């Protein structure tokens, strides 16, 4: 969560509409 928050704060990144994503849990 903090990695997502830092990226948004630093560069204004948003999830948006992108390619299909398949997540691999830790």
ModelCIF file with pLDDT and N, C-alpha, C, O atoms, coordinates in Angstrom:
data_MODEL
#
_entry.id   MODEL 
#
_entity.id                         1 
_entity.type                       polymer 
_entity.pdbx_number_of_molecules   1 
#
_entity_poly.entity_id                      1 
_entity_poly.type                           'polypeptide(L)' 
_entity_poly.nstd_linkage                   no 
_entity_poly.nstd_monomer                   no 
_entity_poly.pdbx_seq_one_letter_code       
;(UNK)(UNK)(UNK)(UNK)(UNK)(UNK)(UNK)(UNK)(UNK)(UNK)(UNK)(UNK)(UNK)(UNK)(UNK)(UNK)
(UNK)(UNK)(UNK)(UNK)(UNK)(UNK)(UNK)(UNK)(UNK)(UNK)
;
_entity_poly.pdbx_seq_one_letter_code_can   XXXXXXXXXXXXXXXXXXXXXXXXXX 
_entity_poly.pdbx_strand_id                 A 
#
loop_
_entity_poly_seq.entity_id 
_entity_poly_seq.num 
_entity_poly_seq.mon_id 
_entity_poly_seq.hetero 
1 1  UNK n 
1 2  UNK n 
1 3  UNK n 
1 4  UNK n 
1 5  UNK n 
1 6  UNK n 
1 7  UNK n 
1 8  UNK n 
1 9  UNK n 
1 10 UNK n 
1 11 UNK n 
1 12 UNK n 
1 13 UNK n 
1 14 UNK n 
1 15 UNK n 
1 16 UNK n 
1 17 UNK n 
1 18 UNK n 
1 19 UNK n 
1 20 UNK n 
1 21 UNK n 
1 22 UNK n 
1 23 UNK n 
1 24 UNK n 
1 25 UNK n 
1 26 UNK n 
#
_struct_asym.id          A 
_struct_asym.entity_id   1 
#
loop_
_ma_qa_metric.id 
_ma_qa_metric.mode 
_ma_qa_metric.name 
_ma_qa_metric.software_group_id 
_ma_qa_metric.type 
1 global pLDDT . pLDDT 
2 local  pLDDT . pLDDT 
#
_ma_qa_metric_global.metric_id      1 
_ma_qa_metric_global.metric_value   85.08 
_ma_qa_metric_global.model_id       1 
_ma_qa_metric_global.ordinal_id     1 
#
loop_
_ma_qa_metric_local.label_asym_id 
_ma_qa_metric_local.label_comp_id 
_ma_qa_metric_local.label_seq_id 
_ma_qa_metric_local.metric_id 
_ma_qa_metric_local.metric_value 
_ma_qa_metric_local.model_id 
_ma_qa_metric_local.ordinal_id 
A UNK 1  2 87.00 1 1  
A UNK 2  2 89.00 1 2  
A UNK 3  2 91.00 1 3  
A UNK 4  2 92.00 1 4  
A UNK 5  2 91.00 1 5  
A UNK 6  2 92.00 1 6  
A UNK 7  2 92.00 1 7  
A UNK 8  2 92.00 1 8  
A UNK 9  2 91.00 1 9  
A UNK 10 2 91.00 1 10 
A UNK 11 2 91.00 1 11 
A UNK 12 2 89.00 1 12 
A UNK 13 2 88.00 1 13 
A UNK 14 2 84.00 1 14 
A UNK 15 2 77.00 1 15 
A UNK 16 2 68.00 1 16 
A UNK 17 2 63.00 1 17 
A UNK 18 2 69.00 1 18 
A UNK 19 2 76.00 1 19 
A UNK 20 2 83.00 1 20 
A UNK 21 2 88.00 1 21 
A UNK 22 2 89.00 1 22 
A UNK 23 2 90.00 1 23 
A UNK 24 2 87.00 1 24 
A UNK 25 2 84.00 1 25 
A UNK 26 2 78.00 1 26 
#
loop_
_atom_site.group_PDB 
_atom_site.id 
_atom_site.type_symbol 
_atom_site.label_atom_id 
_atom_site.label_alt_id 
_atom_site.label_comp_id 
_atom_site.label_asym_id 
_atom_site.label_entity_id 
_atom_site.label_seq_id 
_atom_site.pdbx_PDB_ins_code 
_atom_site.Cartn_x 
_atom_site.Cartn_y 
_atom_site.Cartn_z 
_atom_site.occupancy 
_atom_site.B_iso_or_equiv 
_atom_site.pdbx_formal_charge 
_atom_site.auth_seq_id 
_atom_site.auth_comp_id 
_atom_site.auth_asym_id 
_atom_site.auth_atom_id 
_atom_site.pdbx_PDB_model_num 
ATOM 1   N N  . UNK A 1 1  ? 0.831  -1.207  0.000   1.00 87.00 ? 1  UNK A N  1 
ATOM 2   C CA . UNK A 1 1  ? 0.000  0.000   0.000   1.00 87.00 ? 1  UNK A CA 1 
ATOM 3   C C  . UNK A 1 1  ? 0.869  1.261   0.000   1.00 87.00 ? 1  UNK A C  1 
ATOM 4   O O  . UNK A 1 1  ? 0.566  2.232   -0.694  1.00 87.00 ? 1  UNK A O  1 
ATOM 5   N N  . UNK A 1 2  ? 1.940  1.237   0.777   1.00 89.00 ? 2  UNK A N  1 
ATOM 6   C CA . UNK A 1 2  ? 2.790  2.427   0.841   1.00 89.00 ? 2  UNK A CA 1 
ATOM 7   C C  . UNK A 1 2  ? 3.551  2.639   -0.468  1.00 89.00 ? 2  UNK A C  1 
ATOM 8   O O  . UNK A 1 2  ? 3.839  3.779   -0.833  1.00 89.00 ? 2  UNK A O  1 
ATOM 9   N N  . UNK A 1 3  ? 3.883  1.551   -1.183  1.00 91.00 ? 3  UNK A N  1 
ATOM 10  C CA . UNK A 1 3  ? 4.540  1.689   -2.493  1.00 91.00 ? 3  UNK A CA 1 
ATOM 11  C C  . UNK A 1 3  ? 3.608  2.369   -3.483  1.00 91.00 ? 3  UNK A C  1 
ATOM 12  O O  . UNK A 1 3  ? 4.022  3.265   -4.219  1.00 91.00 ? 3  UNK A O  1 
ATOM 13  N N  . UNK A 1 4  ? 2.347  1.941   -3.503  1.00 92.00 ? 4  UNK A N  1 
ATOM 14  C CA . UNK A 1 4  ? 1.345  2.579   -4.375  1.00 92.00 ? 4  UNK A CA 1 
ATOM 15  C C  . UNK A 1 4  ? 1.188  4.049   -3.998  1.00 92.00 ? 4  UNK A C  1 
ATOM 16  O O  . UNK A 1 4  ? 1.139  4.915   -4.872  1.00 92.00 ? 4  UNK A O  1 
ATOM 17  N N  . UNK A 1 5  ? 1.110  4.331   -2.693  1.00 91.00 ? 5  UNK A N  1 
ATOM 18  C CA . UNK A 1 5  ? 0.925  5.713   -2.246  1.00 91.00 ? 5  UNK A CA 1 
ATOM 19  C C  . UNK A 1 5  ? 2.118  6.581   -2.626  1.00 91.00 ? 5  UNK A C  1 
ATOM 20  O O  . UNK A 1 5  ? 1.945  7.726   -3.044  1.00 91.00 ? 5  UNK A O  1 
ATOM 21  N N  . UNK A 1 6  ? 3.334  6.042   -2.483  1.00 92.00 ? 6  UNK A N  1 
ATOM 22  C CA . UNK A 1 6  ? 4.532  6.819   -2.821  1.00 92.00 ? 6  UNK A CA 1 
ATOM 23  C C  . UNK A 1 6  ? 4.585  7.115   -4.315  1.00 92.00 ? 6  UNK A C  1 
ATOM 24  O O  . UNK A 1 6  ? 4.935  8.229   -4.707  1.00 92.00 ? 6  UNK A O  1 
ATOM 25  N N  . UNK A 1 7  ? 4.246  6.144   -5.155  1.00 92.00 ? 7  UNK A N  1 
ATOM 26  C CA . UNK A 1 7  ? 4.252  6.353   -6.603  1.00 92.00 ? 7  UNK A CA 1 
ATOM 27  C C  . UNK A 1 7  ? 3.216  7.398   -7.004  1.00 92.00 ? 7  UNK A C  1 
ATOM 28  O O  . UNK A 1 7  ? 3.474  8.225   -7.879  1.00 92.00 ? 7  UNK A O  1 
ATOM 29  N N  . UNK A 1 8  ? 2.069  7.362   -6.382  1.00 92.00 ? 8  UNK A N  1 
ATOM 30  C CA . UNK A 1 8  ? 1.034  8.353   -6.682  1.00 92.00 ? 8  UNK A CA 1 
ATOM 31  C C  . UNK A 1 8  ? 1.484  9.744   -6.246  1.00 92.00 ? 8  UNK A C  1 
ATOM 32  O O  . UNK A 1 8  ? 1.264  10.726  -6.955  1.00 92.00 ? 8  UNK A O  1 
ATOM 33  N N  . UNK A 1 9  ? 2.110  9.820   -5.084  1.00 91.00 ? 9  UNK A N  1 
ATOM 34  C CA . UNK A 1 9  ? 2.558  11.119  -4.577  1.00 91.00 ? 9  UNK A CA 1 
ATOM 35  C C  . UNK A 1 9  ? 3.677  11.703  -5.438  1.00 91.00 ? 9  UNK A C  1 
ATOM 36  O O  . UNK A 1 9  ? 3.673  12.892  -5.754  1.00 91.00 ? 9  UNK A O  1 
ATOM 37  N N  . UNK A 1 10 ? 4.633  10.855  -5.814  1.00 91.00 ? 10 UNK A N  1 
ATOM 38  C CA . UNK A 1 10 ? 5.802  11.332  -6.563  1.00 91.00 ? 10 UNK A CA 1 
ATOM 39  C C  . UNK A 1 10 ? 5.480  11.670  -8.013  1.00 91.00 ? 10 UNK A C  1 
ATOM 40  O O  . UNK A 1 10 ? 5.972  12.663  -8.549  1.00 91.00 ? 10 UNK A O  1 
ATOM 41  N N  . UNK A 1 11 ? 4.643  10.831  -8.652  1.00 91.00 ? 11 UNK A N  1 
ATOM 42  C CA . UNK A 1 11 ? 4.450  10.992  -10.102 1.00 91.00 ? 11 UNK A CA 1 
ATOM 43  C C  . UNK A 1 11 ? 2.979  11.045  -10.527 1.00 91.00 ? 11 UNK A C  1 
ATOM 44  O O  . UNK A 1 11 ? 2.684  11.075  -11.722 1.00 91.00 ? 11 UNK A O  1 
ATOM 45  N N  . UNK A 1 12 ? 2.073  11.058  -9.580  1.00 89.00 ? 12 UNK A N  1 
ATOM 46  C CA . UNK A 1 12 ? 0.658  11.163  -9.924  1.00 89.00 ? 12 UNK A CA 1 
ATOM 47  C C  . UNK A 1 12 ? 0.128  9.964   -10.682 1.00 89.00 ? 12 UNK A C  1 
ATOM 48  O O  . UNK A 1 12 ? -0.804 10.112  -11.473 1.00 89.00 ? 12 UNK A O  1 
ATOM 49  N N  . UNK A 1 13 ? 0.682  8.788   -10.472 1.00 88.00 ? 13 UNK A N  1 
ATOM 50  C CA . UNK A 1 13 ? 0.249  7.597   -11.201 1.00 88.00 ? 13 UNK A CA 1 
ATOM 51  C C  . UNK A 1 13 ? -1.136 7.163   -10.748 1.00 88.00 ? 13 UNK A C  1 
ATOM 52  O O  . UNK A 1 13 ? -1.473 7.238   -9.567  1.00 88.00 ? 13 UNK A O  1 
ATOM 53  N N  . UNK A 1 14 ? -1.938 6.703   -11.720 1.00 84.00 ? 14 UNK A N  1 
ATOM 54  C CA . UNK A 1 14 ? -3.264 6.171   -11.432 1.00 84.00 ? 14 UNK A CA 1 
ATOM 55  C C  . UNK A 1 14 ? -3.427 4.841   -12.140 1.00 84.00 ? 14 UNK A C  1 
ATOM 56  O O  . UNK A 1 14 ? -2.712 4.552   -13.100 1.00 84.00 ? 14 UNK A O  1 
ATOM 57  N N  . UNK A 1 15 ? -4.364 4.031   -11.672 1.00 77.00 ? 15 UNK A N  1 
ATOM 58  C CA . UNK A 1 15 ? -4.543 2.703   -12.246 1.00 77.00 ? 15 UNK A CA 1 
ATOM 59  C C  . UNK A 1 15 ? -5.068 2.788   -13.671 1.00 77.00 ? 15 UNK A C  1 
ATOM 60  O O  . UNK A 1 15 ? -4.525 2.149   -14.572 1.00 77.00 ? 15 UNK A O  1 
ATOM 61  N N  . UNK A 1 16 ? -6.127 3.579   -13.884 1.00 68.00 ? 16 UNK A N  1 
ATOM 62  C CA . UNK A 1 16 ? -6.656 3.829   -15.232 1.00 68.00 ? 16 UNK A CA 1 
ATOM 63  C C  . UNK A 1 16 ? -7.067 2.554   -15.954 1.00 68.00 ? 16 UNK A C  1 
ATOM 64  O O  . UNK A 1 16 ? -7.191 1.490   -15.348 1.00 68.00 ? 16 UNK A O  1 
ATOM 65  N N  . UNK A 1 17 ? -7.273 2.681   -17.254 1.00 63.00 ? 17 UNK A N  1 
ATOM 66  C CA . UNK A 1 17 ? -7.613 1.540   -18.097 1.00 63.00 ? 17 UNK A CA 1 
ATOM 67  C C  . UNK A 1 17 ? -6.362 1.084   -18.812 1.00 63.00 ? 17 UNK A C  1 
ATOM 68  O O  . UNK A 1 17 ? -5.879 1.767   -19.715 1.00 63.00 ? 17 UNK A O  1 
ATOM 69  N N  . UNK A 1 18 ? -5.849 -0.021  -18.435 1.00 69.00 ? 18 UNK A N  1 
ATOM 70  C CA . UNK A 1 18 ? -4.632 -0.545  -19.049 1.00 69.00 ? 18 UNK A CA 1 
ATOM 71  C C  . UNK A 1 18 ? -4.834 -1.961  -19.512 1.00 69.00 ? 18 UNK A C  1 
ATOM 72  O O  . UNK A 1 18 ? -5.966 -2.440  -19.579 1.00 69.00 ? 18 UNK A O  1 
ATOM 73  N N  . UNK A 1 19 ? -3.763 -2.633  -19.832 1.00 76.00 ? 19 UNK A N  1 
ATOM 74  C CA . UNK A 1 19 ? -3.859 -4.022  -20.274 1.00 76.00 ? 19 UNK A CA 1 
ATOM 75  C C  . UNK A 1 19 ? -4.345 -4.927  -19.152 1.00 76.00 ? 19 UNK A C  1 
ATOM 76  O O  . UNK A 1 19 ? -4.288 -4.569  -17.975 1.00 76.00 ? 19 UNK A O  1 
ATOM 77  N N  . UNK A 1 20 ? -4.822 -6.101  -19.535 1.00 83.00 ? 20 UNK A N  1 
ATOM 78  C CA . UNK A 1 20 ? -5.262 -7.080  -18.548 1.00 83.00 ? 20 UNK A CA 1 
ATOM 79  C C  . UNK A 1 20 ? -4.085 -7.454  -17.657 1.00 83.00 ? 20 UNK A C  1 
ATOM 80  O O  . UNK A 1 20 ? -2.961 -7.641  -18.124 1.00 83.00 ? 20 UNK A O  1 
ATOM 81  N N  . UNK A 1 21 ? -4.368 -7.556  -16.376 1.00 88.00 ? 21 UNK A N  1 
ATOM 82  C CA . UNK A 1 21 ? -3.297 -7.828  -15.411 1.00 88.00 ? 21 UNK A CA 1 
ATOM 83  C C  . UNK A 1 21 ? -3.609 -9.090  -14.618 1.00 88.00 ? 21 UNK A C  1 
ATOM 84  O O  . UNK A 1 21 ? -4.741 -9.304  -14.185 1.00 88.00 ? 21 UNK A O  1 
ATOM 85  N N  . UNK A 1 22 ? -2.613 -9.898  -14.440 1.00 89.00 ? 22 UNK A N  1 
ATOM 86  C CA . UNK A 1 22 ? -2.720 -11.088 -13.603 1.00 89.00 ? 22 UNK A CA 1 
ATOM 87  C C  . UNK A 1 22 ? -1.712 -10.950 -12.467 1.00 89.00 ? 22 UNK A C  1 
ATOM 88  O O  . UNK A 1 22 ? -0.502 -10.914 -12.689 1.00 89.00 ? 22 UNK A O  1 
ATOM 89  N N  . UNK A 1 23 ? -2.231 -10.874 -11.263 1.00 90.00 ? 23 UNK A N  1 
ATOM 90  C CA . UNK A 1 23 ? -1.356 -10.608 -10.110 1.00 90.00 ? 23 UNK A CA 1 
ATOM 91  C C  . UNK A 1 23 ? -0.859 -11.910 -9.504  1.00 90.00 ? 23 UNK A C  1 
ATOM 92  O O  . UNK A 1 23 ? -1.583 -12.902 -9.428  1.00 90.00 ? 23 UNK A O  1 
ATOM 93  N N  . UNK A 1 24 ? 0.387  -11.877 -9.080  1.00 87.00 ? 24 UNK A N  1 
ATOM 94  C CA . UNK A 1 24 ? 1.004  -13.008 -8.398  1.00 87.00 ? 24 UNK A CA 1 
ATOM 95  C C  . UNK A 1 24 ? 1.232  -12.620 -6.942  1.00 87.00 ? 24 UNK A C  1 
ATOM 96  O O  . UNK A 1 24 ? 2.066  -11.758 -6.661  1.00 87.00 ? 24 UNK A O  1 
ATOM 97  N N  . UNK A 1 25 ? 0.509  -13.239 -6.011  1.00 84.00 ? 25 UNK A N  1 
ATOM 98  C CA . UNK A 1 25 ? 0.688  -12.878 -4.599  1.00 84.00 ? 25 UNK A CA 1 
ATOM 99  C C  . UNK A 1 25 ? 2.053  -13.304 -4.099  1.00 84.00 ? 25 UNK A C  1 
ATOM 100 O O  . UNK A 1 25 ? 2.714  -14.164 -4.681  1.00 84.00 ? 25 UNK A O  1 
ATOM 101 N N  . UNK A 1 26 ? 2.460  -12.676 -2.998  1.00 78.00 ? 26 UNK A N  1 
ATOM 102 C CA . UNK A 1 26 ? 3.756  -13.017 -2.416  1.00 78.00 ? 26 UNK A CA 1 
ATOM 103 C C  . UNK A 1 26 ? 3.758  -14.460 -1.947  1.00 78.00 ? 26 UNK A C  1 
ATOM 104 O O  . UNK A 1 26 ? 4.765  -14.938 -1.425  1.00 78.00 ? 26 UNK A O  1 
#
